[in-house]
Amino acid sequence: MTFEIALGKLRAGQCIARMDWIRDGVYLYFVPGSRFKADRPPLSNFYPASAEISYQSHIDQRTVSGAHAPWSPRVEDLLADDWVITRS
Protein backbone atom coordinates (compact mmCIF):
# COMPACT_ATOMS: atom_id res chain seq x y z
CA MET A 1 0.00 0.00 0.00
CA THR A 2 1.08 3.63 -0.36
CA PHE A 3 2.33 5.69 2.56
CA GLU A 4 -0.82 7.83 2.41
CA ILE A 5 -2.94 4.75 3.15
CA ALA A 6 -0.40 3.35 5.62
CA LEU A 7 -0.42 6.63 7.57
CA GLY A 8 -4.15 6.23 8.18
CA LYS A 9 -3.54 2.70 9.48
CA LEU A 10 -0.75 4.02 11.71
CA ARG A 11 -3.01 6.71 13.19
CA ALA A 12 -5.65 4.03 13.84
CA GLY A 13 -3.18 2.16 16.08
CA GLN A 14 -1.71 -0.37 13.69
CA CYS A 15 2.01 -0.90 13.12
CA ILE A 16 3.37 -0.57 9.60
CA ALA A 17 6.61 -1.39 7.82
CA ARG A 18 8.25 -1.41 4.43
CA MET A 19 8.41 -4.94 3.00
CA ASP A 20 12.21 -5.10 3.26
CA TRP A 21 12.13 -4.08 6.95
CA ILE A 22 10.05 -7.04 8.13
CA ARG A 23 12.84 -9.63 8.19
CA ASP A 24 14.81 -7.32 10.51
CA GLY A 25 11.86 -6.76 12.88
CA VAL A 26 11.68 -3.05 12.02
CA TYR A 27 8.29 -1.33 12.15
CA LEU A 28 6.65 2.03 12.87
CA TYR A 29 3.98 2.98 15.38
CA PHE A 30 2.11 6.17 16.24
CA VAL A 31 2.73 7.89 19.58
CA PRO A 32 -0.13 10.23 20.46
CA GLY A 33 0.58 13.52 22.13
CA SER A 34 0.35 13.82 25.90
CA ARG A 35 1.04 16.10 28.82
CA PHE A 36 3.04 15.20 31.91
CA LYS A 37 5.02 16.71 34.77
CA ALA A 38 8.74 17.38 34.33
CA ASP A 39 9.51 15.51 37.54
CA ARG A 40 12.08 13.05 36.16
CA PRO A 41 15.44 13.29 34.34
CA PRO A 42 16.35 14.59 31.91
CA LEU A 43 13.44 17.07 31.99
CA SER A 44 13.90 17.80 35.70
CA ASN A 45 17.38 19.07 34.84
CA PHE A 46 15.86 21.87 32.73
CA TYR A 47 12.39 22.54 34.17
CA PRO A 48 10.90 22.88 37.63
CA ALA A 49 9.30 19.58 38.78
CA SER A 50 5.88 21.26 38.71
CA ALA A 51 6.22 22.26 35.03
CA GLU A 52 3.87 20.49 32.65
CA ILE A 53 5.41 19.34 29.38
CA SER A 54 3.43 19.04 26.15
CA TYR A 55 4.67 16.01 24.23
CA GLN A 56 3.76 16.23 20.54
CA SER A 57 2.37 13.32 18.53
CA HIS A 58 5.01 11.57 16.46
CA ILE A 59 5.99 8.32 14.80
CA ASP A 60 8.47 5.97 16.47
CA GLN A 61 10.40 3.12 14.89
CA ARG A 62 11.44 -0.19 16.39
CA THR A 63 14.97 -0.55 15.06
CA VAL A 64 16.98 -3.61 14.06
CA SER A 65 18.64 -3.65 17.50
CA GLY A 66 15.25 -3.62 19.24
CA ALA A 67 15.63 -0.02 20.41
CA HIS A 68 12.87 2.52 19.80
CA ALA A 69 13.51 5.98 18.38
CA PRO A 70 11.64 8.83 16.67
CA TRP A 71 11.33 8.19 12.93
CA SER A 72 11.88 10.69 10.16
CA PRO A 73 10.89 9.53 6.66
CA ARG A 74 13.06 9.69 3.59
CA VAL A 75 11.51 10.78 0.30
CA GLU A 76 11.90 7.17 -0.85
CA ASP A 77 9.71 6.03 2.08
CA LEU A 78 7.00 8.60 1.34
CA LEU A 79 6.79 7.59 -2.32
CA ALA A 80 7.00 3.82 -1.79
CA ASP A 81 4.03 1.52 -2.35
CA ASP A 82 5.36 -1.50 -0.44
CA TRP A 83 3.98 -0.58 2.99
CA VAL A 84 2.26 -3.37 4.94
CA ILE A 85 0.52 -3.72 8.30
CA THR A 86 2.70 -5.72 10.68
CA ARG A 87 0.62 -5.63 13.88
CA SER A 88 -2.95 -4.64 14.61
PDB file of N, CA and C in Angstrom:
ATOM      1  N   MET A   1       0.842  -1.184   0.000  1.00  0.00           N
ATOM      2  CA  MET A   1       0.000   0.000   0.000  1.00  0.00           C
ATOM      3  C   MET A   1       0.881   1.238   0.000  1.00  0.00           C
ATOM      4  N   THR A   2       0.332   2.373  -0.342  1.00  0.00           N
ATOM      5  CA  THR A   2       1.079   3.627  -0.361  1.00  0.00           C
ATOM      6  C   THR A   2       1.227   4.172   1.057  1.00  0.00           C
ATOM      7  N   PHE A   3       2.140   5.117   1.235  1.00  0.00           N
ATOM      8  CA  PHE A   3       2.329   5.694   2.556  1.00  0.00           C
ATOM      9  C   PHE A   3       1.088   6.466   2.990  1.00  0.00           C
ATOM     10  N   GLU A   4       0.391   7.090   2.059  1.00  0.00           N
ATOM     11  CA  GLU A   4      -0.819   7.825   2.414  1.00  0.00           C
ATOM     12  C   GLU A   4      -1.832   6.907   3.099  1.00  0.00           C
ATOM     13  N   ILE A   5      -2.008   5.727   2.557  1.00  0.00           N
ATOM     14  CA  ILE A   5      -2.936   4.755   3.149  1.00  0.00           C
ATOM     15  C   ILE A   5      -2.351   4.209   4.450  1.00  0.00           C
ATOM     16  N   ALA A   6      -1.060   3.891   4.440  1.00  0.00           N
ATOM     17  CA  ALA A   6      -0.401   3.348   5.623  1.00  0.00           C
ATOM     18  C   ALA A   6      -0.451   4.330   6.791  1.00  0.00           C
ATOM     19  N   LEU A   7      -0.364   5.620   6.512  1.00  0.00           N
ATOM     20  CA  LEU A   7      -0.420   6.629   7.568  1.00  0.00           C
ATOM     21  C   LEU A   7      -1.763   6.576   8.291  1.00  0.00           C
ATOM     22  N   GLY A   8      -2.839   6.373   7.552  1.00  0.00           N
ATOM     23  CA  GLY A   8      -4.152   6.231   8.182  1.00  0.00           C
ATOM     24  C   GLY A   8      -4.203   5.015   9.097  1.00  0.00           C
ATOM     25  N   LYS A   9      -3.595   3.922   8.663  1.00  0.00           N
ATOM     26  CA  LYS A   9      -3.538   2.701   9.482  1.00  0.00           C
ATOM     27  C   LYS A   9      -2.720   2.961  10.749  1.00  0.00           C
ATOM     28  N   LEU A  10      -1.628   3.679  10.587  1.00  0.00           N
ATOM     29  CA  LEU A  10      -0.753   4.019  11.706  1.00  0.00           C
ATOM     30  C   LEU A  10      -1.516   4.842  12.746  1.00  0.00           C
ATOM     31  N   ARG A  11      -2.225   5.859  12.285  1.00  0.00           N
ATOM     32  CA  ARG A  11      -3.011   6.712  13.188  1.00  0.00           C
ATOM     33  C   ARG A  11      -4.118   5.933  13.885  1.00  0.00           C
ATOM     34  N   ALA A  12      -4.585   4.866  13.263  1.00  0.00           N
ATOM     35  CA  ALA A  12      -5.648   4.028  13.842  1.00  0.00           C
ATOM     36  C   ALA A  12      -5.095   3.013  14.841  1.00  0.00           C
ATOM     37  N   GLY A  13      -3.772   3.026  15.071  1.00  0.00           N
ATOM     38  CA  GLY A  13      -3.185   2.161  16.077  1.00  0.00           C
ATOM     39  C   GLY A  13      -2.498   0.917  15.556  1.00  0.00           C
ATOM     40  N   GLN A  14      -2.400   0.789  14.239  1.00  0.00           N
ATOM     41  CA  GLN A  14      -1.711  -0.373  13.686  1.00  0.00           C
ATOM     42  C   GLN A  14      -0.240  -0.045  13.452  1.00  0.00           C
ATOM     43  N   CYS A  15       0.590  -1.072  13.433  1.00  0.00           N
ATOM     44  CA  CYS A  15       2.005  -0.895  13.124  1.00  0.00           C
ATOM     45  C   CYS A  15       2.214  -1.164  11.637  1.00  0.00           C
ATOM     46  N   ILE A  16       3.106  -0.420  11.029  1.00  0.00           N
ATOM     47  CA  ILE A  16       3.374  -0.568   9.599  1.00  0.00           C
ATOM     48  C   ILE A  16       4.869  -0.707   9.357  1.00  0.00           C
ATOM     49  N   ALA A  17       5.210  -1.231   8.195  1.00  0.00           N
ATOM     50  CA  ALA A  17       6.615  -1.388   7.817  1.00  0.00           C
ATOM     51  C   ALA A  17       6.732  -1.439   6.308  1.00  0.00           C
ATOM     52  N   ARG A  18       7.907  -1.152   5.819  1.00  0.00           N
ATOM     53  CA  ARG A  18       8.246  -1.414   4.425  1.00  0.00           C
ATOM     54  C   ARG A  18       8.503  -2.912   4.312  1.00  0.00           C
ATOM     55  N   MET A  19       8.242  -3.493   3.176  1.00  0.00           N
ATOM     56  CA  MET A  19       8.414  -4.938   2.999  1.00  0.00           C
ATOM     57  C   MET A  19       9.817  -5.409   3.364  1.00  0.00           C
ATOM     58  N   ASP A  20      10.844  -4.647   2.984  1.00  0.00           N
ATOM     59  CA  ASP A  20      12.214  -5.104   3.259  1.00  0.00           C
ATOM     60  C   ASP A  20      12.651  -4.879   4.705  1.00  0.00           C
ATOM     61  N   TRP A  21      11.809  -4.260   5.536  1.00  0.00           N
ATOM     62  CA  TRP A  21      12.129  -4.076   6.946  1.00  0.00           C
ATOM     63  C   TRP A  21      11.695  -5.278   7.789  1.00  0.00           C
ATOM     64  N   ILE A  22      10.706  -6.017   7.318  1.00  0.00           N
ATOM     65  CA  ILE A  22      10.049  -7.044   8.130  1.00  0.00           C
ATOM     66  C   ILE A  22      11.031  -8.096   8.629  1.00  0.00           C
ATOM     67  N   ARG A  23      11.903  -8.566   7.779  1.00  0.00           N
ATOM     68  CA  ARG A  23      12.836  -9.628   8.192  1.00  0.00           C
ATOM     69  C   ARG A  23      13.752  -9.173   9.322  1.00  0.00           C
ATOM     70  N   ASP A  24      13.952  -7.862   9.459  1.00  0.00           N
ATOM     71  CA  ASP A  24      14.805  -7.323  10.515  1.00  0.00           C
ATOM     72  C   ASP A  24      14.008  -6.913  11.758  1.00  0.00           C
ATOM     73  N   GLY A  25      12.694  -7.103  11.731  1.00  0.00           N
ATOM     74  CA  GLY A  25      11.856  -6.755  12.881  1.00  0.00           C
ATOM     75  C   GLY A  25      11.625  -5.267  13.046  1.00  0.00           C
ATOM     76  N   VAL A  26      11.845  -4.502  11.985  1.00  0.00           N
ATOM     77  CA  VAL A  26      11.681  -3.049  12.024  1.00  0.00           C
ATOM     78  C   VAL A  26      10.237  -2.692  11.675  1.00  0.00           C
ATOM     79  N   TYR A  27       9.637  -1.807  12.458  1.00  0.00           N
ATOM     80  CA  TYR A  27       8.292  -1.331  12.148  1.00  0.00           C
ATOM     81  C   TYR A  27       8.083   0.043  12.766  1.00  0.00           C
ATOM     82  N   LEU A  28       7.008   0.706  12.366  1.00  0.00           N
ATOM     83  CA  LEU A  28       6.654   2.031  12.868  1.00  0.00           C
ATOM     84  C   LEU A  28       5.373   1.948  13.672  1.00  0.00           C
ATOM     85  N   TYR A  29       5.225   2.863  14.630  1.00  0.00           N
ATOM     86  CA  TYR A  29       3.985   2.984  15.378  1.00  0.00           C
ATOM     87  C   TYR A  29       3.768   4.445  15.759  1.00  0.00           C
ATOM     88  N   PHE A  30       2.515   4.793  15.951  1.00  0.00           N
ATOM     89  CA  PHE A  30       2.111   6.168  16.244  1.00  0.00           C
ATOM     90  C   PHE A  30       2.127   6.395  17.753  1.00  0.00           C
ATOM     91  N   VAL A  31       2.714   7.501  18.174  1.00  0.00           N
ATOM     92  CA  VAL A  31       2.731   7.886  19.583  1.00  0.00           C
ATOM     93  C   VAL A  31       1.884   9.153  19.710  1.00  0.00           C
ATOM     94  N   PRO A  32       0.713   9.039  20.335  1.00  0.00           N
ATOM     95  CA  PRO A  32      -0.133  10.228  20.461  1.00  0.00           C
ATOM     96  C   PRO A  32       0.482  11.242  21.416  1.00  0.00           C
ATOM     97  N   GLY A  33       0.103  12.470  21.255  1.00  0.00           N
ATOM     98  CA  GLY A  33       0.584  13.525  22.133  1.00  0.00           C
ATOM     99  C   GLY A  33       0.062  13.333  23.547  1.00  0.00           C
ATOM    100  N   SER A  34       0.760  13.916  24.496  1.00  0.00           N
ATOM    101  CA  SER A  34       0.346  13.818  25.896  1.00  0.00           C
ATOM    102  C   SER A  34       0.932  14.983  26.674  1.00  0.00           C
ATOM    103  N   ARG A  35       0.507  15.093  27.914  1.00  0.00           N
ATOM    104  CA  ARG A  35       1.038  16.105  28.821  1.00  0.00           C
ATOM    105  C   ARG A  35       1.451  15.402  30.103  1.00  0.00           C
ATOM    106  N   PHE A  36       2.597  15.807  30.659  1.00  0.00           N
ATOM    107  CA  PHE A  36       3.044  15.203  31.906  1.00  0.00           C
ATOM    108  C   PHE A  36       3.956  16.166  32.653  1.00  0.00           C
ATOM    109  N   LYS A  37       4.165  15.883  33.916  1.00  0.00           N
ATOM    110  CA  LYS A  37       5.017  16.714  34.767  1.00  0.00           C
ATOM    111  C   LYS A  37       6.490  16.443  34.468  1.00  0.00           C
ATOM    112  N   ALA A  38       7.295  17.483  34.578  1.00  0.00           N
ATOM    113  CA  ALA A  38       8.741  17.382  34.335  1.00  0.00           C
ATOM    114  C   ALA A  38       9.456  16.976  35.619  1.00  0.00           C
ATOM    115  N   ASP A  39       8.985  15.898  36.234  1.00  0.00           N
ATOM    116  CA  ASP A  39       9.511  15.508  37.540  1.00  0.00           C
ATOM    117  C   ASP A  39      10.514  14.354  37.478  1.00  0.00           C
ATOM    118  N   ARG A  40      11.079  14.109  36.291  1.00  0.00           N
ATOM    119  CA  ARG A  40      12.085  13.046  36.162  1.00  0.00           C
ATOM    120  C   ARG A  40      13.150  13.482  35.146  1.00  0.00           C
ATOM    121  N   PRO A  41      14.372  12.956  35.296  1.00  0.00           N
ATOM    122  CA  PRO A  41      15.440  13.290  34.343  1.00  0.00           C
ATOM    123  C   PRO A  41      15.085  12.780  32.951  1.00  0.00           C
ATOM    124  N   PRO A  42      15.501  13.402  31.912  1.00  0.00           N
ATOM    125  CA  PRO A  42      16.345  14.594  31.912  1.00  0.00           C
ATOM    126  C   PRO A  42      15.565  15.892  32.043  1.00  0.00           C
ATOM    127  N   LEU A  43      14.230  15.828  31.950  1.00  0.00           N
ATOM    128  CA  LEU A  43      13.445  17.069  31.987  1.00  0.00           C
ATOM    129  C   LEU A  43      13.624  17.834  33.294  1.00  0.00           C
ATOM    130  N   SER A  44      13.752  17.119  34.401  1.00  0.00           N
ATOM    131  CA  SER A  44      13.904  17.796  35.695  1.00  0.00           C
ATOM    132  C   SER A  44      15.212  18.574  35.791  1.00  0.00           C
ATOM    133  N   ASN A  45      16.128  18.307  34.881  1.00  0.00           N
ATOM    134  CA  ASN A  45      17.382  19.072  34.838  1.00  0.00           C
ATOM    135  C   ASN A  45      17.180  20.447  34.213  1.00  0.00           C
ATOM    136  N   PHE A  46      16.084  20.625  33.481  1.00  0.00           N
ATOM    137  CA  PHE A  46      15.856  21.869  32.734  1.00  0.00           C
ATOM    138  C   PHE A  46      14.609  22.632  33.168  1.00  0.00           C
ATOM    139  N   TYR A  47      13.664  21.936  33.783  1.00  0.00           N
ATOM    140  CA  TYR A  47      12.391  22.540  34.168  1.00  0.00           C
ATOM    141  C   TYR A  47      12.116  22.295  35.642  1.00  0.00           C
ATOM    142  N   PRO A  48      11.328  23.168  36.266  1.00  0.00           N
ATOM    143  CA  PRO A  48      10.899  22.878  37.633  1.00  0.00           C
ATOM    144  C   PRO A  48      10.028  21.607  37.632  1.00  0.00           C
ATOM    145  N   ALA A  49      10.060  20.837  38.707  1.00  0.00           N
ATOM    146  CA  ALA A  49       9.302  19.580  38.783  1.00  0.00           C
ATOM    147  C   ALA A  49       7.808  19.792  38.576  1.00  0.00           C
ATOM    148  N   SER A  50       7.316  20.980  38.869  1.00  0.00           N
ATOM    149  CA  SER A  50       5.883  21.261  38.709  1.00  0.00           C
ATOM    150  C   SER A  50       5.508  21.649  37.277  1.00  0.00           C
ATOM    151  N   ALA A  51       6.503  21.860  36.419  1.00  0.00           N
ATOM    152  CA  ALA A  51       6.225  22.264  35.031  1.00  0.00           C
ATOM    153  C   ALA A  51       5.519  21.118  34.295  1.00  0.00           C
ATOM    154  N   GLU A  52       4.560  21.487  33.457  1.00  0.00           N
ATOM    155  CA  GLU A  52       3.869  20.486  32.649  1.00  0.00           C
ATOM    156  C   GLU A  52       4.409  20.568  31.224  1.00  0.00           C
ATOM    157  N   ILE A  53       4.800  19.427  30.701  1.00  0.00           N
ATOM    158  CA  ILE A  53       5.405  19.338  29.376  1.00  0.00           C
ATOM    159  C   ILE A  53       4.360  18.843  28.379  1.00  0.00           C
ATOM    160  N   SER A  54       4.300  19.482  27.230  1.00  0.00           N
ATOM    161  CA  SER A  54       3.425  19.039  26.146  1.00  0.00           C
ATOM    162  C   SER A  54       4.264  18.216  25.177  1.00  0.00           C
ATOM    163  N   TYR A  55       3.938  16.943  25.076  1.00  0.00           N
ATOM    164  CA  TYR A  55       4.674  16.011  24.234  1.00  0.00           C
ATOM    165  C   TYR A  55       3.891  15.844  22.936  1.00  0.00           C
ATOM    166  N   GLN A  56       4.456  16.243  21.827  1.00  0.00           N
ATOM    167  CA  GLN A  56       3.762  16.227  20.537  1.00  0.00           C
ATOM    168  C   GLN A  56       3.631  14.817  19.965  1.00  0.00           C
ATOM    169  N   SER A  57       2.541  14.587  19.243  1.00  0.00           N
ATOM    170  CA  SER A  57       2.367  13.320  18.532  1.00  0.00           C
ATOM    171  C   SER A  57       3.521  13.130  17.566  1.00  0.00           C
ATOM    172  N   HIS A  58       3.925  11.866  17.393  1.00  0.00           N
ATOM    173  CA  HIS A  58       5.006  11.573  16.456  1.00  0.00           C
ATOM    174  C   HIS A  58       4.988  10.089  16.099  1.00  0.00           C
ATOM    175  N   ILE A  59       5.862   9.711  15.217  1.00  0.00           N
ATOM    176  CA  ILE A  59       5.987   8.315  14.798  1.00  0.00           C
ATOM    177  C   ILE A  59       7.310   7.786  15.317  1.00  0.00           C
ATOM    178  N   ASP A  60       7.258   6.637  15.996  1.00  0.00           N
ATOM    179  CA  ASP A  60       8.472   5.970  16.468  1.00  0.00           C
ATOM    180  C   ASP A  60       8.732   4.739  15.620  1.00  0.00           C
ATOM    181  N   GLN A  61       9.981   4.306  15.634  1.00  0.00           N
ATOM    182  CA  GLN A  61      10.397   3.119  14.888  1.00  0.00           C
ATOM    183  C   GLN A  61      11.063   2.139  15.848  1.00  0.00           C
ATOM    184  N   ARG A  62      10.684   0.870  15.732  1.00  0.00           N
ATOM    185  CA  ARG A  62      11.445  -0.190  16.390  1.00  0.00           C
ATOM    186  C   ARG A  62      12.581  -0.504  15.435  1.00  0.00           C
ATOM    187  N   THR A  63      13.806  -0.380  15.915  1.00  0.00           N
ATOM    188  CA  THR A  63      14.970  -0.548  15.056  1.00  0.00           C
ATOM    189  C   THR A  63      15.439  -2.001  15.018  1.00  0.00           C
ATOM    190  N   VAL A  64      16.412  -2.272  14.191  1.00  0.00           N
ATOM    191  CA  VAL A  64      16.979  -3.611  14.061  1.00  0.00           C
ATOM    192  C   VAL A  64      17.494  -4.121  15.402  1.00  0.00           C
ATOM    193  N   SER A  65      18.072  -3.242  16.207  1.00  0.00           N
ATOM    194  CA  SER A  65      18.637  -3.652  17.499  1.00  0.00           C
ATOM    195  C   SER A  65      17.575  -3.869  18.571  1.00  0.00           C
ATOM    196  N   GLY A  66      16.328  -3.497  18.256  1.00  0.00           N
ATOM    197  CA  GLY A  66      15.255  -3.616  19.236  1.00  0.00           C
ATOM    198  C   GLY A  66      15.011  -2.340  20.018  1.00  0.00           C
ATOM    199  N   ALA A  67      15.827  -1.324  19.774  1.00  0.00           N
ATOM    200  CA  ALA A  67      15.629  -0.018  20.409  1.00  0.00           C
ATOM    201  C   ALA A  67      14.463   0.695  19.728  1.00  0.00           C
ATOM    202  N   HIS A  68      13.957   1.722  20.363  1.00  0.00           N
ATOM    203  CA  HIS A  68      12.868   2.518  19.799  1.00  0.00           C
ATOM    204  C   HIS A  68      13.323   3.965  19.723  1.00  0.00           C
ATOM    205  N   ALA A  69      13.028   4.619  18.595  1.00  0.00           N
ATOM    206  CA  ALA A  69      13.505   5.982  18.379  1.00  0.00           C
ATOM    207  C   ALA A  69      12.519   6.728  17.489  1.00  0.00           C
ATOM    208  N   PRO A  70      12.480   8.063  17.584  1.00  0.00           N
ATOM    209  CA  PRO A  70      11.643   8.835  16.668  1.00  0.00           C
ATOM    210  C   PRO A  70      12.064   8.555  15.224  1.00  0.00           C
ATOM    211  N   TRP A  71      11.083   8.504  14.337  1.00  0.00           N
ATOM    212  CA  TRP A  71      11.334   8.193  12.935  1.00  0.00           C
ATOM    213  C   TRP A  71      11.115   9.427  12.084  1.00  0.00           C
ATOM    214  N   SER A  72      12.007   9.625  11.139  1.00  0.00           N
ATOM    215  CA  SER A  72      11.875  10.692  10.156  1.00  0.00           C
ATOM    216  C   SER A  72      11.952  10.050   8.774  1.00  0.00           C
ATOM    217  N   PRO A  73      10.909  10.216   7.955  1.00  0.00           N
ATOM    218  CA  PRO A  73      10.894   9.526   6.665  1.00  0.00           C
ATOM    219  C   PRO A  73      11.857  10.123   5.651  1.00  0.00           C
ATOM    220  N   ARG A  74      12.308   9.258   4.769  1.00  0.00           N
ATOM    221  CA  ARG A  74      13.059   9.690   3.590  1.00  0.00           C
ATOM    222  C   ARG A  74      12.047   9.871   2.455  1.00  0.00           C
ATOM    223  N   VAL A  75      12.390  10.600   1.453  1.00  0.00           N
ATOM    224  CA  VAL A  75      11.508  10.779   0.299  1.00  0.00           C
ATOM    225  C   VAL A  75      11.161   9.417  -0.284  1.00  0.00           C
ATOM    226  N   GLU A  76      12.126   8.512  -0.337  1.00  0.00           N
ATOM    227  CA  GLU A  76      11.898   7.168  -0.850  1.00  0.00           C
ATOM    228  C   GLU A  76      10.782   6.460  -0.069  1.00  0.00           C
ATOM    229  N   ASP A  77      10.752   6.647   1.256  1.00  0.00           N
ATOM    230  CA  ASP A  77       9.707   6.032   2.079  1.00  0.00           C
ATOM    231  C   ASP A  77       8.332   6.622   1.759  1.00  0.00           C
ATOM    232  N   LEU A  78       8.276   7.936   1.613  1.00  0.00           N
ATOM    233  CA  LEU A  78       7.004   8.603   1.344  1.00  0.00           C
ATOM    234  C   LEU A  78       6.411   8.213  -0.004  1.00  0.00           C
ATOM    235  N   LEU A  79       7.261   7.908  -0.978  1.00  0.00           N
ATOM    236  CA  LEU A  79       6.788   7.586  -2.325  1.00  0.00           C
ATOM    237  C   LEU A  79       6.637   6.089  -2.574  1.00  0.00           C
ATOM    238  N   ALA A  80       7.047   5.275  -1.616  1.00  0.00           N
ATOM    239  CA  ALA A  80       7.005   3.823  -1.788  1.00  0.00           C
ATOM    240  C   ALA A  80       5.569   3.290  -1.744  1.00  0.00           C
ATOM    241  N   ASP A  81       5.351   2.160  -2.396  1.00  0.00           N
ATOM    242  CA  ASP A  81       4.031   1.516  -2.349  1.00  0.00           C
ATOM    243  C   ASP A  81       4.126   0.085  -1.809  1.00  0.00           C
ATOM    244  N   ASP A  82       5.174  -0.163  -1.014  1.00  0.00           N
ATOM    245  CA  ASP A  82       5.361  -1.500  -0.443  1.00  0.00           C
ATOM    246  C   ASP A  82       5.107  -1.540   1.066  1.00  0.00           C
ATOM    247  N   TRP A  83       4.307  -0.610   1.575  1.00  0.00           N
ATOM    248  CA  TRP A  83       3.975  -0.576   2.991  1.00  0.00           C
ATOM    249  C   TRP A  83       2.983  -1.679   3.321  1.00  0.00           C
ATOM    250  N   VAL A  84       3.170  -2.312   4.479  1.00  0.00           N
ATOM    251  CA  VAL A  84       2.257  -3.368   4.945  1.00  0.00           C
ATOM    252  C   VAL A  84       1.958  -3.155   6.428  1.00  0.00           C
ATOM    253  N   ILE A  85       0.864  -3.711   6.877  1.00  0.00           N
ATOM    254  CA  ILE A  85       0.518  -3.717   8.300  1.00  0.00           C
ATOM    255  C   ILE A  85       1.255  -4.898   8.921  1.00  0.00           C
ATOM    256  N   THR A  86       1.954  -4.647  10.027  1.00  0.00           N
ATOM    257  CA  THR A  86       2.701  -5.724  10.680  1.00  0.00           C
ATOM    258  C   THR A  86       2.039  -6.192  11.964  1.00  0.00           C
ATOM    259  N   ARG A  87       1.324  -5.299  12.632  1.00  0.00           N
ATOM    260  CA  ARG A  87       0.621  -5.626  13.879  1.00  0.00           C
ATOM    261  C   ARG A  87      -0.647  -4.796  13.939  1.00  0.00           C
ATOM    262  N   SER A  88      -1.686  -5.372  14.486  1.00  0.00           N
ATOM    263  CA  SER A  88      -2.955  -4.639  14.611  1.00  0.00           C
ATOM    264  C   SER A  88      -3.139  -4.131  16.018  1.00  0.00           C
TER     265      SER A  88
END
